[in-house]
């Protein structure tokens, strides 16, 4: 969008209900930029403060909601990872219960 007046890097994306969602990095800030293909409008959603880097961050759709999955925590059980799950609600992110998942 023309109002995004800084250098940024695109990382991962998903598409849901006619809207493209892209994880972008603007310096130290991680955001999700959306583009609605029906209206032609862009919107930016700043990632939660707990998300400190993009390389362990994924974006997808869960139960008809755009979500972020973030894993950067060691887990005490070998062969398992802990993920935080955030869903986009309105203009912000709501954290759901974290979950443990087998590596790979």
PDB file of N, CA and C in Angstrom:
ATOM      1  N   UNK A   1       0.828  -1.215   0.000  1.00  0.00           N
ATOM      2  CA  UNK A   1       0.000   0.000   0.000  1.00  0.00           C
ATOM      3  C   UNK A   1       0.858   1.259   0.000  1.00  0.00           C
ATOM      4  N   UNK A   2       0.324   2.325  -0.525  1.00  0.00           N
ATOM      5  CA  UNK A   2       1.087   3.580  -0.628  1.00  0.00           C
ATOM      6  C   UNK A   2       1.425   4.173   0.740  1.00  0.00           C
ATOM      7  N   UNK A   3       0.642   3.871   1.792  1.00  0.00           N
ATOM      8  CA  UNK A   3       0.914   4.443   3.106  1.00  0.00           C
ATOM      9  C   UNK A   3       2.012   3.697   3.861  1.00  0.00           C
ATOM     10  N   UNK A   4       2.454   2.570   3.341  1.00  0.00           N
ATOM     11  CA  UNK A   4       3.541   1.837   3.989  1.00  0.00           C
ATOM     12  C   UNK A   4       4.853   2.411   3.486  1.00  0.00           C
ATOM     13  N   UNK A   5       5.392   3.392   4.196  1.00  0.00           N
ATOM     14  CA  UNK A   5       6.528   4.186   3.746  1.00  0.00           C
ATOM     15  C   UNK A   5       7.840   3.753   4.383  1.00  0.00           C
ATOM     16  N   UNK A   6       8.096   2.463   4.456  1.00  0.00           N
ATOM     17  CA  UNK A   6       9.339   1.996   5.036  1.00  0.00           C
ATOM     18  C   UNK A   6       9.801   0.755   4.280  1.00  0.00           C
ATOM     19  N   UNK A   7      11.014   0.354   4.541  1.00  0.00           N
ATOM     20  CA  UNK A   7      11.532  -0.881   3.966  1.00  0.00           C
ATOM     21  C   UNK A   7      10.939  -2.045   4.750  1.00  0.00           C
ATOM     22  N   UNK A   8      10.461  -3.042   4.044  1.00  0.00           N
ATOM     23  CA  UNK A   8       9.882  -4.195   4.709  1.00  0.00           C
ATOM     24  C   UNK A   8      10.219  -5.458   3.937  1.00  0.00           C
ATOM     25  N   UNK A   9      10.121  -6.600   4.631  1.00  0.00           N
ATOM     26  CA  UNK A   9      10.370  -7.901   4.021  1.00  0.00           C
ATOM     27  C   UNK A   9       9.145  -8.776   4.183  1.00  0.00           C
ATOM     28  N   UNK A  10       8.751  -9.450   3.100  1.00  0.00           N
ATOM     29  CA  UNK A  10       7.627 -10.381   3.121  1.00  0.00           C
ATOM     30  C   UNK A  10       8.134 -11.757   3.538  1.00  0.00           C
ATOM     31  N   UNK A  11       7.361 -12.468   4.353  1.00  0.00           N
ATOM     32  CA  UNK A  11       7.788 -13.796   4.794  1.00  0.00           C
ATOM     33  C   UNK A  11       6.790 -14.873   4.378  1.00  0.00           C
ATOM     34  N   UNK A  12       5.731 -15.075   5.093  1.00  0.00           N
ATOM     35  CA  UNK A  12       4.776 -16.141   4.791  1.00  0.00           C
ATOM     36  C   UNK A  12       3.393 -15.542   4.592  1.00  0.00           C
ATOM     37  N   UNK A  13       2.502 -16.314   3.945  1.00  0.00           N
ATOM     38  CA  UNK A  13       1.165 -15.771   3.701  1.00  0.00           C
ATOM     39  C   UNK A  13       0.117 -16.884   3.656  1.00  0.00           C
ATOM     40  N   UNK A  14      -1.147 -16.475   3.731  1.00  0.00           N
ATOM     41  CA  UNK A  14      -2.292 -17.360   3.543  1.00  0.00           C
ATOM     42  C   UNK A  14      -3.410 -16.542   2.922  1.00  0.00           C
ATOM     43  N   UNK A  15      -4.415 -17.226   2.392  1.00  0.00           N
ATOM     44  CA  UNK A  15      -5.539 -16.576   1.732  1.00  0.00           C
ATOM     45  C   UNK A  15      -6.819 -17.169   2.302  1.00  0.00           C
ATOM     46  N   UNK A  16      -7.762 -16.293   2.733  1.00  0.00           N
ATOM     47  CA  UNK A  16      -8.998 -16.760   3.357  1.00  0.00           C
ATOM     48  C   UNK A  16     -10.119 -15.765   3.081  1.00  0.00           C
ATOM     49  N   UNK A  17     -11.244 -16.275   2.593  1.00  0.00           N
ATOM     50  CA  UNK A  17     -12.434 -15.441   2.339  1.00  0.00           C
ATOM     51  C   UNK A  17     -12.130 -14.217   1.486  1.00  0.00           C
ATOM     52  N   UNK A  18     -11.300 -14.370   0.470  1.00  0.00           N
ATOM     53  CA  UNK A  18     -10.993 -13.262  -0.429  1.00  0.00           C
ATOM     54  C   UNK A  18      -9.970 -12.280   0.093  1.00  0.00           C
ATOM     55  N   UNK A  19      -9.331 -12.608   1.220  1.00  0.00           N
ATOM     56  CA  UNK A  19      -8.334 -11.716   1.818  1.00  0.00           C
ATOM     57  C   UNK A  19      -6.989 -12.444   1.889  1.00  0.00           C
ATOM     58  N   UNK A  20      -5.946 -11.780   1.392  1.00  0.00           N
ATOM     59  CA  UNK A  20      -4.587 -12.296   1.505  1.00  0.00           C
ATOM     60  C   UNK A  20      -3.952 -11.708   2.760  1.00  0.00           C
ATOM     61  N   UNK A  21      -3.331 -12.555   3.555  1.00  0.00           N
ATOM     62  CA  UNK A  21      -2.655 -12.144   4.782  1.00  0.00           C
ATOM     63  C   UNK A  21      -1.176 -12.476   4.643  1.00  0.00           C
ATOM     64  N   UNK A  22      -0.314 -11.483   4.830  1.00  0.00           N
ATOM     65  CA  UNK A  22       1.127 -11.653   4.684  1.00  0.00           C
ATOM     66  C   UNK A  22       1.837 -11.259   5.967  1.00  0.00           C
ATOM     67  N   UNK A  23       2.740 -12.103   6.433  1.00  0.00           N
ATOM     68  CA  UNK A  23       3.610 -11.732   7.556  1.00  0.00           C
ATOM     69  C   UNK A  23       4.713 -10.861   6.979  1.00  0.00           C
ATOM     70  N   UNK A  24       4.876  -9.681   7.544  1.00  0.00           N
ATOM     71  CA  UNK A  24       5.944  -8.784   7.098  1.00  0.00           C
ATOM     72  C   UNK A  24       6.769  -8.341   8.299  1.00  0.00           C
ATOM     73  N   UNK A  25       7.977  -7.948   8.008  1.00  0.00           N
ATOM     74  CA  UNK A  25       8.906  -7.453   9.027  1.00  0.00           C
ATOM     75  C   UNK A  25       9.309  -6.039   8.632  1.00  0.00           C
ATOM     76  N   UNK A  26       9.056  -5.099   9.529  1.00  0.00           N
ATOM     77  CA  UNK A  26       9.432  -3.701   9.316  1.00  0.00           C
ATOM     78  C   UNK A  26      10.416  -3.330  10.412  1.00  0.00           C
ATOM     79  N   UNK A  27      11.697  -3.525  10.128  1.00  0.00           N
ATOM     80  CA  UNK A  27      12.678  -3.315  11.181  1.00  0.00           C
ATOM     81  C   UNK A  27      12.428  -4.316  12.287  1.00  0.00           C
ATOM     82  N   UNK A  28      12.262  -3.841  13.542  1.00  0.00           N
ATOM     83  CA  UNK A  28      12.037  -4.777  14.649  1.00  0.00           C
ATOM     84  C   UNK A  28      10.565  -5.195  14.807  1.00  0.00           C
ATOM     85  N   UNK A  29       9.675  -4.640  13.999  1.00  0.00           N
ATOM     86  CA  UNK A  29       8.243  -4.894  14.159  1.00  0.00           C
ATOM     87  C   UNK A  29       7.787  -5.984  13.196  1.00  0.00           C
ATOM     88  N   UNK A  30       7.056  -6.957  13.734  1.00  0.00           N
ATOM     89  CA  UNK A  30       6.446  -8.000  12.912  1.00  0.00           C
ATOM     90  C   UNK A  30       4.956  -7.700  12.842  1.00  0.00           C
ATOM     91  N   UNK A  31       4.430  -7.692  11.620  1.00  0.00           N
ATOM     92  CA  UNK A  31       3.025  -7.387  11.392  1.00  0.00           C
ATOM     93  C   UNK A  31       2.421  -8.396  10.431  1.00  0.00           C
ATOM     94  N   UNK A  32       1.104  -8.385  10.377  1.00  0.00           N
ATOM     95  CA  UNK A  32       0.383  -9.089   9.326  1.00  0.00           C
ATOM     96  C   UNK A  32      -0.304  -8.007   8.501  1.00  0.00           C
ATOM     97  N   UNK A  33      -0.007  -7.996   7.208  1.00  0.00           N
ATOM     98  CA  UNK A  33      -0.626  -7.060   6.281  1.00  0.00           C
ATOM     99  C   UNK A  33      -1.701  -7.826   5.519  1.00  0.00           C
ATOM    100  N   UNK A  34      -2.902  -7.283   5.470  1.00  0.00           N
ATOM    101  CA  UNK A  34      -3.968  -7.951   4.726  1.00  0.00           C
ATOM    102  C   UNK A  34      -4.338  -7.117   3.502  1.00  0.00           C
ATOM    103  N   UNK A  35      -4.779  -7.826   2.465  1.00  0.00           N
ATOM    104  CA  UNK A  35      -5.301  -7.180   1.273  1.00  0.00           C
ATOM    105  C   UNK A  35      -6.608  -7.866   0.914  1.00  0.00           C
ATOM    106  N   UNK A  36      -7.702  -7.101   0.941  1.00  0.00           N
ATOM    107  CA  UNK A  36      -9.029  -7.613   0.602  1.00  0.00           C
ATOM    108  C   UNK A  36      -9.221  -7.488  -0.907  1.00  0.00           C
ATOM    109  N   UNK A  37      -9.305  -8.619  -1.593  1.00  0.00           N
ATOM    110  CA  UNK A  37      -9.415  -8.589  -3.060  1.00  0.00           C
ATOM    111  C   UNK A  37     -10.767  -8.068  -3.533  1.00  0.00           C
ATOM    112  N   UNK A  38     -11.768  -8.067  -2.663  1.00  0.00           N
ATOM    113  CA  UNK A  38     -13.078  -7.547  -3.029  1.00  0.00           C
ATOM    114  C   UNK A  38     -13.162  -6.034  -2.969  1.00  0.00           C
ATOM    115  N   UNK A  39     -12.542  -5.445  -1.947  1.00  0.00           N
ATOM    116  CA  UNK A  39     -12.630  -3.998  -1.755  1.00  0.00           C
ATOM    117  C   UNK A  39     -11.366  -3.267  -2.190  1.00  0.00           C
ATOM    118  N   UNK A  40     -10.264  -3.998  -2.343  1.00  0.00           N
ATOM    119  CA  UNK A  40      -8.986  -3.372  -2.681  1.00  0.00           C
ATOM    120  C   UNK A  40      -8.332  -2.667  -1.511  1.00  0.00           C
ATOM    121  N   UNK A  41      -8.783  -2.953  -0.285  1.00  0.00           N
ATOM    122  CA  UNK A  41      -8.250  -2.274   0.902  1.00  0.00           C
ATOM    123  C   UNK A  41      -7.158  -3.087   1.591  1.00  0.00           C
ATOM    124  N   UNK A  42      -6.156  -2.364   2.089  1.00  0.00           N
ATOM    125  CA  UNK A  42      -5.082  -2.941   2.891  1.00  0.00           C
ATOM    126  C   UNK A  42      -5.355  -2.645   4.359  1.00  0.00           C
ATOM    127  N   UNK A  43      -4.865  -3.522   5.224  1.00  0.00           N
ATOM    128  CA  UNK A  43      -4.944  -3.280   6.663  1.00  0.00           C
ATOM    129  C   UNK A  43      -3.726  -3.928   7.314  1.00  0.00           C
ATOM    130  N   UNK A  44      -3.262  -3.326   8.397  1.00  0.00           N
ATOM    131  CA  UNK A  44      -2.097  -3.862   9.112  1.00  0.00           C
ATOM    132  C   UNK A  44      -2.495  -4.254  10.526  1.00  0.00           C
ATOM    133  N   UNK A  45      -2.018  -5.431  10.965  1.00  0.00           N
ATOM    134  CA  UNK A  45      -2.257  -5.930  12.313  1.00  0.00           C
ATOM    135  C   UNK A  45      -0.898  -6.235  12.934  1.00  0.00           C
ATOM    136  N   UNK A  46      -0.525  -5.459  13.930  1.00  0.00           N
ATOM    137  CA  UNK A  46       0.759  -5.662  14.608  1.00  0.00           C
ATOM    138  C   UNK A  46       0.695  -6.994  15.356  1.00  0.00           C
ATOM    139  N   UNK A  47       1.738  -7.812  15.224  1.00  0.00           N
ATOM    140  CA  UNK A  47       1.788  -9.100  15.913  1.00  0.00           C
ATOM    141  C   UNK A  47       1.888  -8.875  17.424  1.00  0.00           C
ATOM    142  N   UNK A  48       1.417  -9.842  18.200  1.00  0.00           N
ATOM    143  CA  UNK A  48       1.542  -9.727  19.665  1.00  0.00           C
ATOM    144  C   UNK A  48       3.001  -9.565  20.087  1.00  0.00           C
ATOM    145  N   UNK A  49       3.216  -8.894  21.215  1.00  0.00           N
ATOM    146  CA  UNK A  49       4.567  -8.652  21.730  1.00  0.00           C
ATOM    147  C   UNK A  49       5.350  -9.935  21.974  1.00  0.00           C
ATOM    148  N   UNK A  50       4.662 -11.027  22.297  1.00  0.00           N
ATOM    149  CA  UNK A  50       5.342 -12.300  22.566  1.00  0.00           C
ATOM    150  C   UNK A  50       6.014 -12.876  21.320  1.00  0.00           C
ATOM    151  N   UNK A  51       5.616 -12.431  20.157  1.00  0.00           N
ATOM    152  CA  UNK A  51       6.213 -12.915  18.914  1.00  0.00           C
ATOM    153  C   UNK A  51       7.411 -12.024  18.604  1.00  0.00           C
ATOM    154  N   UNK A  52       8.596 -12.576  18.846  1.00  0.00           N
ATOM    155  CA  UNK A  52       9.807 -11.760  18.801  1.00  0.00           C
ATOM    156  C   UNK A  52      10.612 -11.926  17.517  1.00  0.00           C
ATOM    157  N   UNK A  53      10.303 -12.916  16.687  1.00  0.00           N
ATOM    158  CA  UNK A  53      10.984 -13.091  15.406  1.00  0.00           C
ATOM    159  C   UNK A  53      10.085 -13.884  14.465  1.00  0.00           C
ATOM    160  N   UNK A  54      10.379 -13.842  13.202  1.00  0.00           N
ATOM    161  CA  UNK A  54       9.489 -14.434  12.192  1.00  0.00           C
ATOM    162  C   UNK A  54       9.856 -15.859  11.799  1.00  0.00           C
ATOM    163  N   UNK A  55      11.072 -16.315  12.070  1.00  0.00           N
ATOM    164  CA  UNK A  55      11.496 -17.597  11.509  1.00  0.00           C
ATOM    165  C   UNK A  55      10.803 -18.797  12.146  1.00  0.00           C
ATOM    166  N   UNK A  56      10.170 -18.652  13.263  1.00  0.00           N
ATOM    167  CA  UNK A  56       9.372 -19.732  13.866  1.00  0.00           C
ATOM    168  C   UNK A  56       7.890 -19.371  13.858  1.00  0.00           C
ATOM    169  N   UNK A  57       7.485 -18.500  12.930  1.00  0.00           N
ATOM    170  CA  UNK A  57       6.118 -18.001  12.873  1.00  0.00           C
ATOM    171  C   UNK A  57       5.448 -18.461  11.586  1.00  0.00           C
ATOM    172  N   UNK A  58       4.236 -18.987  11.724  1.00  0.00           N
ATOM    173  CA  UNK A  58       3.435 -19.404  10.565  1.00  0.00           C
ATOM    174  C   UNK A  58       2.084 -18.717  10.632  1.00  0.00           C
ATOM    175  N   UNK A  59       1.476 -18.526   9.480  1.00  0.00           N
ATOM    176  CA  UNK A  59       0.127 -17.974   9.406  1.00  0.00           C
ATOM    177  C   UNK A  59      -0.723 -18.955   8.622  1.00  0.00           C
ATOM    178  N   UNK A  60      -1.957 -19.180   9.106  1.00  0.00           N
ATOM    179  CA  UNK A  60      -2.857 -20.127   8.459  1.00  0.00           C
ATOM    180  C   UNK A  60      -4.284 -19.825   8.896  1.00  0.00           C
ATOM    181  N   UNK A  61      -5.195 -20.728   8.566  1.00  0.00           N
ATOM    182  CA  UNK A  61      -6.595 -20.584   8.949  1.00  0.00           C
ATOM    183  C   UNK A  61      -6.946 -21.740   9.881  1.00  0.00           C
ATOM    184  N   UNK A  62      -7.586 -21.415  11.004  1.00  0.00           N
ATOM    185  CA  UNK A  62      -8.009 -22.402  11.989  1.00  0.00           C
ATOM    186  C   UNK A  62      -9.438 -22.087  12.383  1.00  0.00           C
ATOM    187  N   UNK A  63     -10.344 -23.041  12.166  1.00  0.00           N
ATOM    188  CA  UNK A  63     -11.760 -22.865  12.520  1.00  0.00           C
ATOM    189  C   UNK A  63     -12.312 -21.552  11.982  1.00  0.00           C
ATOM    190  N   UNK A  64     -12.092 -21.321  10.684  1.00  0.00           N
ATOM    191  CA  UNK A  64     -12.630 -20.135  10.004  1.00  0.00           C
ATOM    192  C   UNK A  64     -12.064 -18.814  10.529  1.00  0.00           C
ATOM    193  N   UNK A  65     -10.872 -18.854  11.140  1.00  0.00           N
ATOM    194  CA  UNK A  65     -10.216 -17.639  11.622  1.00  0.00           C
ATOM    195  C   UNK A  65      -8.755 -17.650  11.190  1.00  0.00           C
ATOM    196  N   UNK A  66      -8.254 -16.481  10.834  1.00  0.00           N
ATOM    197  CA  UNK A  66      -6.835 -16.347  10.528  1.00  0.00           C
ATOM    198  C   UNK A  66      -6.059 -16.491  11.826  1.00  0.00           C
ATOM    199  N   UNK A  67      -4.996 -17.287  11.800  1.00  0.00           N
ATOM    200  CA  UNK A  67      -4.264 -17.519  13.037  1.00  0.00           C
ATOM    201  C   UNK A  67      -2.761 -17.459  12.808  1.00  0.00           C
ATOM    202  N   UNK A  68      -2.058 -17.203  13.891  1.00  0.00           N
ATOM    203  CA  UNK A  68      -0.595 -17.249  13.928  1.00  0.00           C
ATOM    204  C   UNK A  68      -0.184 -18.396  14.830  1.00  0.00           C
ATOM    205  N   UNK A  69       0.801 -19.170  14.386  1.00  0.00           N
ATOM    206  CA  UNK A  69       1.405 -20.230  15.185  1.00  0.00           C
ATOM    207  C   UNK A  69       2.855 -19.833  15.421  1.00  0.00           C
ATOM    208  N   UNK A  70       3.251 -19.837  16.670  1.00  0.00           N
ATOM    209  CA  UNK A  70       4.601 -19.394  17.015  1.00  0.00           C
ATOM    210  C   UNK A  70       5.256 -20.412  17.935  1.00  0.00           C
ATOM    211  N   UNK A  71       6.438 -20.861  17.551  1.00  0.00           N
ATOM    212  CA  UNK A  71       7.168 -21.842  18.353  1.00  0.00           C
ATOM    213  C   UNK A  71       8.594 -21.365  18.556  1.00  0.00           C
ATOM    214  N   UNK A  72       8.926 -21.035  19.767  1.00  0.00           N
ATOM    215  CA  UNK A  72      10.326 -20.696  20.061  1.00  0.00           C
ATOM    216  C   UNK A  72      10.686 -21.132  21.467  1.00  0.00           C
ATOM    217  N   UNK A  73       9.905 -22.061  21.995  1.00  0.00           N
ATOM    218  CA  UNK A  73      10.108 -22.484  23.374  1.00  0.00           C
ATOM    219  C   UNK A  73      10.683 -23.890  23.417  1.00  0.00           C
ATOM    220  N   UNK A  74      11.704 -24.109  24.213  1.00  0.00           N
ATOM    221  CA  UNK A  74      12.140 -25.494  24.418  1.00  0.00           C
ATOM    222  C   UNK A  74      11.065 -26.216  25.230  1.00  0.00           C
ATOM    223  N   UNK A  75      10.892 -27.482  24.963  1.00  0.00           N
ATOM    224  CA  UNK A  75       9.918 -28.266  25.733  1.00  0.00           C
ATOM    225  C   UNK A  75      10.652 -29.392  26.424  1.00  0.00           C
ATOM    226  N   UNK A  76      10.243 -29.687  27.665  1.00  0.00           N
ATOM    227  CA  UNK A  76      10.987 -30.636  28.478  1.00  0.00           C
ATOM    228  C   UNK A  76      10.947 -32.069  27.945  1.00  0.00           C
ATOM    229  N   UNK A  77       9.969 -32.419  27.144  1.00  0.00           N
ATOM    230  CA  UNK A  77       9.876 -33.776  26.607  1.00  0.00           C
ATOM    231  C   UNK A  77      10.546 -33.834  25.226  1.00  0.00           C
ATOM    232  N   UNK A  78      11.510 -34.723  25.073  1.00  0.00           N
ATOM    233  CA  UNK A  78      12.251 -34.826  23.817  1.00  0.00           C
ATOM    234  C   UNK A  78      11.314 -35.211  22.666  1.00  0.00           C
ATOM    235  N   UNK A  79      11.556 -34.577  21.520  1.00  0.00           N
ATOM    236  CA  UNK A  79      10.758 -34.880  20.335  1.00  0.00           C
ATOM    237  C   UNK A  79       9.444 -34.127  20.261  1.00  0.00           C
ATOM    238  N   UNK A  80       9.252 -33.145  21.147  1.00  0.00           N
ATOM    239  CA  UNK A  80       8.004 -32.362  21.164  1.00  0.00           C
ATOM    240  C   UNK A  80       8.328 -30.876  21.101  1.00  0.00           C
ATOM    241  N   UNK A  81       7.386 -30.101  20.574  1.00  0.00           N
ATOM    242  CA  UNK A  81       7.502 -28.642  20.520  1.00  0.00           C
ATOM    243  C   UNK A  81       6.254 -28.017  21.130  1.00  0.00           C
ATOM    244  N   UNK A  82       6.431 -26.822  21.697  1.00  0.00           N
ATOM    245  CA  UNK A  82       5.306 -26.057  22.231  1.00  0.00           C
ATOM    246  C   UNK A  82       5.003 -24.931  21.263  1.00  0.00           C
ATOM    247  N   UNK A  83       3.733 -24.761  20.922  1.00  0.00           N
ATOM    248  CA  UNK A  83       3.285 -23.705  20.018  1.00  0.00           C
ATOM    249  C   UNK A  83       2.295 -22.792  20.724  1.00  0.00           C
ATOM    250  N   UNK A  84       2.435 -21.494  20.492  1.00  0.00           N
ATOM    251  CA  UNK A  84       1.399 -20.539  20.885  1.00  0.00           C
ATOM    252  C   UNK A  84       0.480 -20.360  19.696  1.00  0.00           C
ATOM    253  N   UNK A  85      -0.804 -20.252  19.961  1.00  0.00           N
ATOM    254  CA  UNK A  85      -1.816 -20.070  18.916  1.00  0.00           C
ATOM    255  C   UNK A  85      -2.546 -18.760  19.165  1.00  0.00           C
ATOM    256  N   UNK A  86      -2.515 -17.883  18.170  1.00  0.00           N
ATOM    257  CA  UNK A  86      -3.179 -16.593  18.242  1.00  0.00           C
ATOM    258  C   UNK A  86      -4.187 -16.527  17.093  1.00  0.00           C
ATOM    259  N   UNK A  87      -5.405 -16.047  17.352  1.00  0.00           N
ATOM    260  CA  UNK A  87      -6.388 -15.868  16.287  1.00  0.00           C
ATOM    261  C   UNK A  87      -6.709 -14.385  16.133  1.00  0.00           C
ATOM    262  N   UNK A  88      -6.952 -13.982  14.898  1.00  0.00           N
ATOM    263  CA  UNK A  88      -7.300 -12.588  14.608  1.00  0.00           C
ATOM    264  C   UNK A  88      -8.776 -12.395  14.893  1.00  0.00           C
ATOM    265  N   UNK A  89      -9.075 -11.493  15.821  1.00  0.00           N
ATOM    266  CA  UNK A  89     -10.454 -11.174  16.174  1.00  0.00           C
ATOM    267  C   UNK A  89     -10.624  -9.672  16.100  1.00  0.00           C
ATOM    268  N   UNK A  90     -11.425  -9.241  15.148  1.00  0.00           N
ATOM    269  CA  UNK A  90     -11.602  -7.809  14.949  1.00  0.00           C
ATOM    270  C   UNK A  90     -10.307  -7.185  14.482  1.00  0.00           C
ATOM    271  N   UNK A  91      -9.788  -6.259  15.255  1.00  0.00           N
ATOM    272  CA  UNK A  91      -8.558  -5.542  14.895  1.00  0.00           C
ATOM    273  C   UNK A  91      -7.333  -6.031  15.655  1.00  0.00           C
ATOM    274  N   UNK A  92      -7.484  -7.104  16.438  1.00  0.00           N
ATOM    275  CA  UNK A  92      -6.354  -7.550  17.245  1.00  0.00           C
ATOM    276  C   UNK A  92      -6.271  -9.062  17.345  1.00  0.00           C
ATOM    277  N   UNK A  93      -5.279  -9.527  18.108  1.00  0.00           N
ATOM    278  CA  UNK A  93      -4.991 -10.942  18.257  1.00  0.00           C
ATOM    279  C   UNK A  93      -5.430 -11.424  19.623  1.00  0.00           C
ATOM    280  N   UNK A  94      -6.023 -12.607  19.668  1.00  0.00           N
ATOM    281  CA  UNK A  94      -6.414 -13.236  20.930  1.00  0.00           C
ATOM    282  C   UNK A  94      -5.624 -14.535  21.052  1.00  0.00           C
ATOM    283  N   UNK A  95      -4.946 -14.700  22.186  1.00  0.00           N
ATOM    284  CA  UNK A  95      -4.167 -15.913  22.394  1.00  0.00           C
ATOM    285  C   UNK A  95      -5.070 -17.029  22.897  1.00  0.00           C
ATOM    286  N   UNK A  96      -4.980 -18.175  22.226  1.00  0.00           N
ATOM    287  CA  UNK A  96      -5.679 -19.359  22.674  1.00  0.00           C
ATOM    288  C   UNK A  96      -4.698 -20.232  23.443  1.00  0.00           C
ATOM    289  N   UNK A  97      -5.162 -21.339  23.946  1.00  0.00           N
ATOM    290  CA  UNK A  97      -4.337 -22.228  24.736  1.00  0.00           C
ATOM    291  C   UNK A  97      -3.165 -22.768  23.919  1.00  0.00           C
ATOM    292  N   UNK A  98      -1.935 -22.702  24.439  1.00  0.00           N
ATOM    293  CA  UNK A  98      -0.810 -23.291  23.721  1.00  0.00           C
ATOM    294  C   UNK A  98      -0.978 -24.800  23.634  1.00  0.00           C
ATOM    295  N   UNK A  99      -0.281 -25.415  22.688  1.00  0.00           N
ATOM    296  CA  UNK A  99      -0.376 -26.861  22.570  1.00  0.00           C
ATOM    297  C   UNK A  99       0.994 -27.462  22.285  1.00  0.00           C
ATOM    298  N   UNK A 100       1.109 -28.749  22.589  1.00  0.00           N
ATOM    299  CA  UNK A 100       2.343 -29.504  22.415  1.00  0.00           C
ATOM    300  C   UNK A 100       2.153 -30.417  21.211  1.00  0.00           C
ATOM    301  N   UNK A 101       3.175 -30.469  20.361  1.00  0.00           N
ATOM    302  CA  UNK A 101       3.058 -31.206  19.113  1.00  0.00           C
ATOM    303  C   UNK A 101       4.366 -31.943  18.835  1.00  0.00           C
ATOM    304  N   UNK A 102       4.293 -33.173  18.258  1.00  0.00           N
ATOM    305  CA  UNK A 102       5.527 -33.875  17.931  1.00  0.00           C
ATOM    306  C   UNK A 102       6.355 -33.117  16.888  1.00  0.00           C
ATOM    307  N   UNK A 103       7.665 -33.130  17.046  1.00  0.00           N
ATOM    308  CA  UNK A 103       8.557 -32.490  16.083  1.00  0.00           C
ATOM    309  C   UNK A 103       8.438 -33.222  14.755  1.00  0.00           C
ATOM    310  N   UNK A 104       8.407 -32.439  13.660  1.00  0.00           N
ATOM    311  CA  UNK A 104       8.345 -33.035  12.322  1.00  0.00           C
ATOM    312  C   UNK A 104       6.953 -33.401  11.930  1.00  0.00           C
TER     313      UNK A 104
END
